[in-house]
C-alpha atoms as a PDB file:
ATOM      1  CA  UNK A   1       3.910 -25.655   0.199  1.00  0.00           C
ATOM      2  CA  UNK A   2       4.270 -22.117  -0.607  1.00  0.00           C
ATOM      3  CA  UNK A   3       5.125 -20.280   2.500  1.00  0.00           C
ATOM      4  CA  UNK A   4       2.779 -17.254   2.057  1.00  0.00           C
ATOM      5  CA  UNK A   5      -1.015 -16.948   1.903  1.00  0.00           C
ATOM      6  CA  UNK A   6      -2.535 -14.165  -0.226  1.00  0.00           C
ATOM      7  CA  UNK A   7      -6.170 -13.107   0.317  1.00  0.00           C
ATOM      8  CA  UNK A   8      -7.992 -11.487  -2.758  1.00  0.00           C
ATOM      9  CA  UNK A   9     -11.546 -10.225  -2.859  1.00  0.00           C
ATOM     10  CA  UNK A  10     -13.792  -7.270  -2.837  1.00  0.00           C
ATOM     11  CA  UNK A  11     -13.536  -4.388  -0.317  1.00  0.00           C
ATOM     12  CA  UNK A  12     -15.634  -5.588   2.735  1.00  0.00           C
ATOM     13  CA  UNK A  13     -14.929  -9.292   2.031  1.00  0.00           C
ATOM     14  CA  UNK A  14     -12.849  -9.552   5.229  1.00  0.00           C
ATOM     15  CA  UNK A  15      -9.237  -9.846   3.745  1.00  0.00           C
ATOM     16  CA  UNK A  16      -7.763  -7.584   6.564  1.00  0.00           C
ATOM     17  CA  UNK A  17      -9.562  -9.140   9.520  1.00  0.00           C
ATOM     18  CA  UNK A  18      -9.619 -12.709   8.416  1.00  0.00           C
ATOM     19  CA  UNK A  19      -5.932 -12.191   7.416  1.00  0.00           C
ATOM     20  CA  UNK A  20      -5.008 -10.891  10.942  1.00  0.00           C
ATOM     21  CA  UNK A  21      -6.831 -13.890  12.519  1.00  0.00           C
ATOM     22  CA  UNK A  22      -5.275 -16.456   9.993  1.00  0.00           C
ATOM     23  CA  UNK A  23      -1.837 -15.078  10.555  1.00  0.00           C
ATOM     24  CA  UNK A  24      -2.212 -15.252  14.420  1.00  0.00           C
ATOM     25  CA  UNK A  25      -3.667 -18.720  14.270  1.00  0.00           C
ATOM     26  CA  UNK A  26      -0.937 -20.150  12.000  1.00  0.00           C
ATOM     27  CA  UNK A  27       1.901 -18.142  13.646  1.00  0.00           C
ATOM     28  CA  UNK A  28       2.708 -16.059  10.487  1.00  0.00           C
ATOM     29  CA  UNK A  29       3.324 -12.420   9.868  1.00  0.00           C
ATOM     30  CA  UNK A  30       0.559 -10.177   8.272  1.00  0.00           C
ATOM     31  CA  UNK A  31       0.852  -7.795   5.526  1.00  0.00           C
ATOM     32  CA  UNK A  32      -2.009  -5.370   4.287  1.00  0.00           C
ATOM     33  CA  UNK A  33      -0.948  -4.018   0.917  1.00  0.00           C
ATOM     34  CA  UNK A  34      -3.558  -0.916   1.419  1.00  0.00           C
ATOM     35  CA  UNK A  35      -1.686  -0.089   4.416  1.00  0.00           C
ATOM     36  CA  UNK A  36       1.659  -0.438   2.875  1.00  0.00           C
ATOM     37  CA  UNK A  37       0.522   2.067   0.072  1.00  0.00           C
ATOM     38  CA  UNK A  38      -0.783   4.455   2.739  1.00  0.00           C
ATOM     39  CA  UNK A  39       2.513   4.362   4.725  1.00  0.00           C
ATOM     40  CA  UNK A  40       4.860   4.625   1.691  1.00  0.00           C
ATOM     41  CA  UNK A  41       2.755   7.192   0.038  1.00  0.00           C
ATOM     42  CA  UNK A  42       1.767   9.140   3.207  1.00  0.00           C
ATOM     43  CA  UNK A  43      -1.894   9.576   1.888  1.00  0.00           C
ATOM     44  CA  UNK A  44      -5.086   7.662   2.212  1.00  0.00           C
ATOM     45  CA  UNK A  45      -6.110   5.561  -0.710  1.00  0.00           C
ATOM     46  CA  UNK A  46      -8.914   8.186  -1.326  1.00  0.00           C
ATOM     47  CA  UNK A  47      -6.340  10.995  -1.449  1.00  0.00           C
ATOM     48  CA  UNK A  48      -4.343   9.124  -4.075  1.00  0.00           C
ATOM     49  CA  UNK A  49      -7.512   8.686  -6.126  1.00  0.00           C
ATOM     50  CA  UNK A  50      -8.598  12.290  -5.726  1.00  0.00           C
ATOM     51  CA  UNK A  51      -5.149  13.565  -6.466  1.00  0.00           C
ATOM     52  CA  UNK A  52      -4.773  11.475  -9.547  1.00  0.00           C
ATOM     53  CA  UNK A  53      -7.252   8.926 -10.619  1.00  0.00           C
ATOM     54  CA  UNK A  54      -8.330   5.209  -9.933  1.00  0.00           C
ATOM     55  CA  UNK A  55      -5.649   3.887 -12.630  1.00  0.00           C
ATOM     56  CA  UNK A  56      -2.699   5.549 -10.751  1.00  0.00           C
ATOM     57  CA  UNK A  57      -3.929   3.898  -7.504  1.00  0.00           C
ATOM     58  CA  UNK A  58      -3.837   0.498  -9.486  1.00  0.00           C
ATOM     59  CA  UNK A  59      -0.264   1.353 -10.642  1.00  0.00           C
ATOM     60  CA  UNK A  60       0.789   2.236  -7.089  1.00  0.00           C
ATOM     61  CA  UNK A  61      -0.771  -0.880  -5.814  1.00  0.00           C
ATOM     62  CA  UNK A  62       1.187  -3.052  -8.532  1.00  0.00           C
ATOM     63  CA  UNK A  63       4.500  -1.326  -7.504  1.00  0.00           C
ATOM     64  CA  UNK A  64       4.018  -2.072  -3.933  1.00  0.00           C
ATOM     65  CA  UNK A  65       2.956  -5.845  -4.529  1.00  0.00           C
ATOM     66  CA  UNK A  66       5.913  -6.228  -6.639  1.00  0.00           C
ATOM     67  CA  UNK A  67       8.234  -5.204  -3.877  1.00  0.00           C
ATOM     68  CA  UNK A  68       6.876  -7.933  -1.426  1.00  0.00           C
ATOM     69  CA  UNK A  69       9.578 -10.432  -0.763  1.00  0.00           C
ATOM     70  CA  UNK A  70       8.514 -12.235   2.469  1.00  0.00           C
ATOM     71  CA  UNK A  71       8.048 -15.707   3.651  1.00  0.00           C
ATOM     72  CA  UNK A  72       5.757 -17.117   6.260  1.00  0.00           C
ATOM     73  CA  UNK A  73       3.056 -14.251   5.858  1.00  0.00           C
ATOM     74  CA  UNK A  74      -0.668 -13.695   5.177  1.00  0.00           C
ATOM     75  CA  UNK A  75      -0.921 -10.916   2.529  1.00  0.00           C
ATOM     76  CA  UNK A  76      -4.140  -8.969   2.127  1.00  0.00           C
ATOM     77  CA  UNK A  77      -4.394  -7.335  -1.097  1.00  0.00           C
ATOM     78  CA  UNK A  78      -6.416  -4.274  -2.084  1.00  0.00           C
ATOM     79  CA  UNK A  79      -9.426  -5.136  -3.954  1.00  0.00           C
ATOM     80  CA  UNK A  80      -8.050  -3.951  -7.109  1.00  0.00           C
ATOM     81  CA  UNK A  81      -4.859  -6.077  -7.036  1.00  0.00           C
ATOM     82  CA  UNK A  82      -6.444  -8.682  -9.435  1.00  0.00           C
ATOM     83  CA  UNK A  83      -6.171  -6.169 -12.345  1.00  0.00           C
ATOM     84  CA  UNK A  84      -2.485  -6.507 -12.481  1.00  0.00           C
ATOM     85  CA  UNK A  85      -1.137  -9.521 -14.198  1.00  0.00           C
ATOM     86  CA  UNK A  86       2.322  -8.762 -13.089  1.00  0.00           C
ATOM     87  CA  UNK A  87       1.235  -8.368  -9.331  1.00  0.00           C
ATOM     88  CA  UNK A  88      -0.842 -11.581  -9.548  1.00  0.00           C
ATOM     89  CA  UNK A  89       1.975 -13.506 -11.088  1.00  0.00           C
ATOM     90  CA  UNK A  90       4.347 -12.152  -8.447  1.00  0.00           C
ATOM     91  CA  UNK A  91       2.082 -13.298  -5.660  1.00  0.00           C
ATOM     92  CA  UNK A  92       1.285 -16.529  -7.217  1.00  0.00           C
ATOM     93  CA  UNK A  93       5.154 -17.288  -7.168  1.00  0.00           C
ATOM     94  CA  UNK A  94       5.399 -16.599  -3.629  1.00  0.00           C
ATOM     95  CA  UNK A  95       2.064 -17.647  -2.140  1.00  0.00           C
ATOM     96  CA  UNK A  96      -1.161 -19.728  -2.433  1.00  0.00           C
ATOM     97  CA  UNK A  97      -4.023 -17.147  -3.470  1.00  0.00           C
ATOM     98  CA  UNK A  98      -7.352 -17.435  -1.744  1.00  0.00           C
ATOM     99  CA  UNK A  99     -10.386 -15.781  -2.961  1.00  0.00           C
ATOM    100  CA  UNK A 100     -12.783 -14.584  -0.282  1.00  0.00           C
ATOM    101  CA  UNK A 101     -16.174 -14.815  -2.142  1.00  0.00           C
ATOM    102  CA  UNK A 102     -19.050 -12.629  -0.781  1.00  0.00           C
ATOM    103  CA  UNK A 103     -22.149 -12.091  -2.706  1.00  0.00           C
ATOM    104  CA  UNK A 104     -23.277  -8.582  -3.998  1.00  0.00           C
ATOM    105  CA  UNK A 105     -25.965  -7.986  -1.368  1.00  0.00           C
ATOM    106  CA  UNK A 106     -23.640  -8.957   1.568  1.00  0.00           C
ATOM    107  CA  UNK A 107     -20.965  -6.608   0.289  1.00  0.00           C
ATOM    108  CA  UNK A 108     -23.453  -3.783  -0.101  1.00  0.00           C
ATOM    109  CA  UNK A 109     -24.458  -4.333   3.675  1.00  0.00           C
ATOM    110  CA  UNK A 110     -20.926  -4.299   4.715  1.00  0.00           C
ATOM    111  CA  UNK A 111     -19.693  -1.288   2.917  1.00  0.00           C
ATOM    112  CA  UNK A 112     -21.456   2.006   3.805  1.00  0.00           C
ATOM    113  CA  UNK A 113     -18.506   4.405   2.689  1.00  0.00           C
ATOM    114  CA  UNK A 114     -18.419   3.361  -0.999  1.00  0.00           C
ATOM    115  CA  UNK A 115     -17.553   6.959  -2.287  1.00  0.00           C
ATOM    116  CA  UNK A 116     -14.795   7.643   0.341  1.00  0.00           C
ATOM    117  CA  UNK A 117     -13.301   4.254   0.945  1.00  0.00           C
ATOM    118  CA  UNK A 118     -10.499   4.546  -1.692  1.00  0.00           C
ATOM    119  CA  UNK A 119     -12.057   1.881  -4.150  1.00  0.00           C
ATOM    120  CA  UNK A 120     -10.156   2.032  -7.514  1.00  0.00           C
ATOM    121  CA  UNK A 121     -13.056   2.529  -9.778  1.00  0.00           C
ATOM    122  CA  UNK A 122     -13.850   4.872 -12.654  1.00  0.00           C
ATOM    123  CA  UNK A 123     -16.110   7.853 -11.795  1.00  0.00           C
ATOM    124  CA  UNK A 124     -18.929   6.548 -13.561  1.00  0.00           C
ATOM    125  CA  UNK A 125     -18.894   2.960 -12.634  1.00  0.00           C
ATOM    126  CA  UNK A 126     -21.534   1.522 -10.566  1.00  0.00           C
ATOM    127  CA  UNK A 127     -20.859  -0.673  -7.457  1.00  0.00           C
ATOM    128  CA  UNK A 128     -22.664  -3.585  -9.091  1.00  0.00           C
ATOM    129  CA  UNK A 129     -20.609  -3.061 -12.271  1.00  0.00           C
ATOM    130  CA  UNK A 130     -17.332  -3.093 -10.537  1.00  0.00           C
ATOM    131  CA  UNK A 131     -18.284  -6.001  -8.414  1.00  0.00           C
ATOM    132  CA  UNK A 132     -19.221  -8.199 -11.668  1.00  0.00           C
ATOM    133  CA  UNK A 133     -16.098  -7.089 -13.192  1.00  0.00           C
ATOM    134  CA  UNK A 134     -13.821  -8.102 -10.490  1.00  0.00           C
ATOM    135  CA  UNK A 135     -15.415 -11.483  -9.807  1.00  0.00           C
ATOM    136  CA  UNK A 136     -14.108 -12.783 -13.094  1.00  0.00           C
ATOM    137  CA  UNK A 137     -10.585 -11.548 -12.095  1.00  0.00           C
ATOM    138  CA  UNK A 138     -10.672 -13.216  -8.765  1.00  0.00           C
ATOM    139  CA  UNK A 139     -11.930 -16.513  -9.938  1.00  0.00           C
ATOM    140  CA  UNK A 140      -9.276 -16.428 -12.572  1.00  0.00           C
ATOM    141  CA  UNK A 141      -6.333 -15.842 -10.072  1.00  0.00           C
ATOM    142  CA  UNK A 142      -7.555 -17.953  -7.200  1.00  0.00           C
ATOM    143  CA  UNK A 143      -6.077 -21.180  -6.200  1.00  0.00           C
ATOM    144  CA  UNK A 144      -8.821 -21.722  -3.687  1.00  0.00           C
ATOM    145  CA  UNK A 145     -12.195 -20.101  -3.269  1.00  0.00           C
ATOM    146  CA  UNK A 146     -13.949 -19.687  -0.034  1.00  0.00           C
ATOM    147  CA  UNK A 147     -17.435 -18.897   0.339  1.00  0.00           C
ATOM    148  CA  UNK A 148     -17.612 -16.046   2.989  1.00  0.00           C
ATOM    149  CA  UNK A 149     -21.401 -15.274   3.062  1.00  0.00           C
ATOM    150  CA  UNK A 150     -22.586 -17.057   6.061  1.00  0.00           C
ATOM    151  CA  UNK A 151     -19.640 -17.756   8.461  1.00  0.00           C
ATOM    152  CA  UNK A 152     -18.049 -15.350  10.709  1.00  0.00           C
ATOM    153  CA  UNK A 153     -14.445 -14.340  10.381  1.00  0.00           C
ATOM    154  CA  UNK A 154     -13.116 -16.754  13.196  1.00  0.00           C
ATOM    155  CA  UNK A 155     -14.708 -19.637  11.467  1.00  0.00           C
ATOM    156  CA  UNK A 156     -13.603 -18.644   8.020  1.00  0.00           C
ATOM    157  CA  UNK A 157     -10.044 -18.417   9.306  1.00  0.00           C
ATOM    158  CA  UNK A 158     -10.101 -21.916  10.735  1.00  0.00           C
ATOM    159  CA  UNK A 159     -11.685 -23.040   7.477  1.00  0.00           C
ATOM    160  CA  UNK A 160      -8.958 -21.647   5.455  1.00  0.00           C
ATOM    161  CA  UNK A 161      -6.431 -23.274   7.826  1.00  0.00           C
ATOM    162  CA  UNK A 162      -7.946 -26.732   7.108  1.00  0.00           C
ATOM    163  CA  UNK A 163      -8.062 -26.147   3.424  1.00  0.00           C
ATOM    164  CA  UNK A 164      -4.437 -25.304   3.193  1.00  0.00           C
END
């Protein structure tokens, strides 16, 4: 078995929260690539987008993911990691990739700061368009897909533990 687990999915799908619970339950370390970016760049994701653009944030995300060289960790990626073939190939080489699937209505209920959350999207792209575009990528890269619409985060972490 690969020693890491990588969680992918939309902002608001629970990657960070479920990742922390999963890491604790399995006795693994935890890495949140959004936090890595913010620590290494000394800026919030939204500041990076505002100072450059969403494509620059995606390139920074790819760069940070390609530097990850750990074992026995749960890795929570940013929602746009799936755009990078290089990053996803790297993650696939070191981990099992789990897509936390949440339907559009549920994501909309969870995210109230869409414009300021640091979501890597073009200025004219609607949240629905972004959602649909990313679903294809997440499904393509996932080893396992977990439906996260109905269960709470503790239950989902246990479900993932059983699946792996």
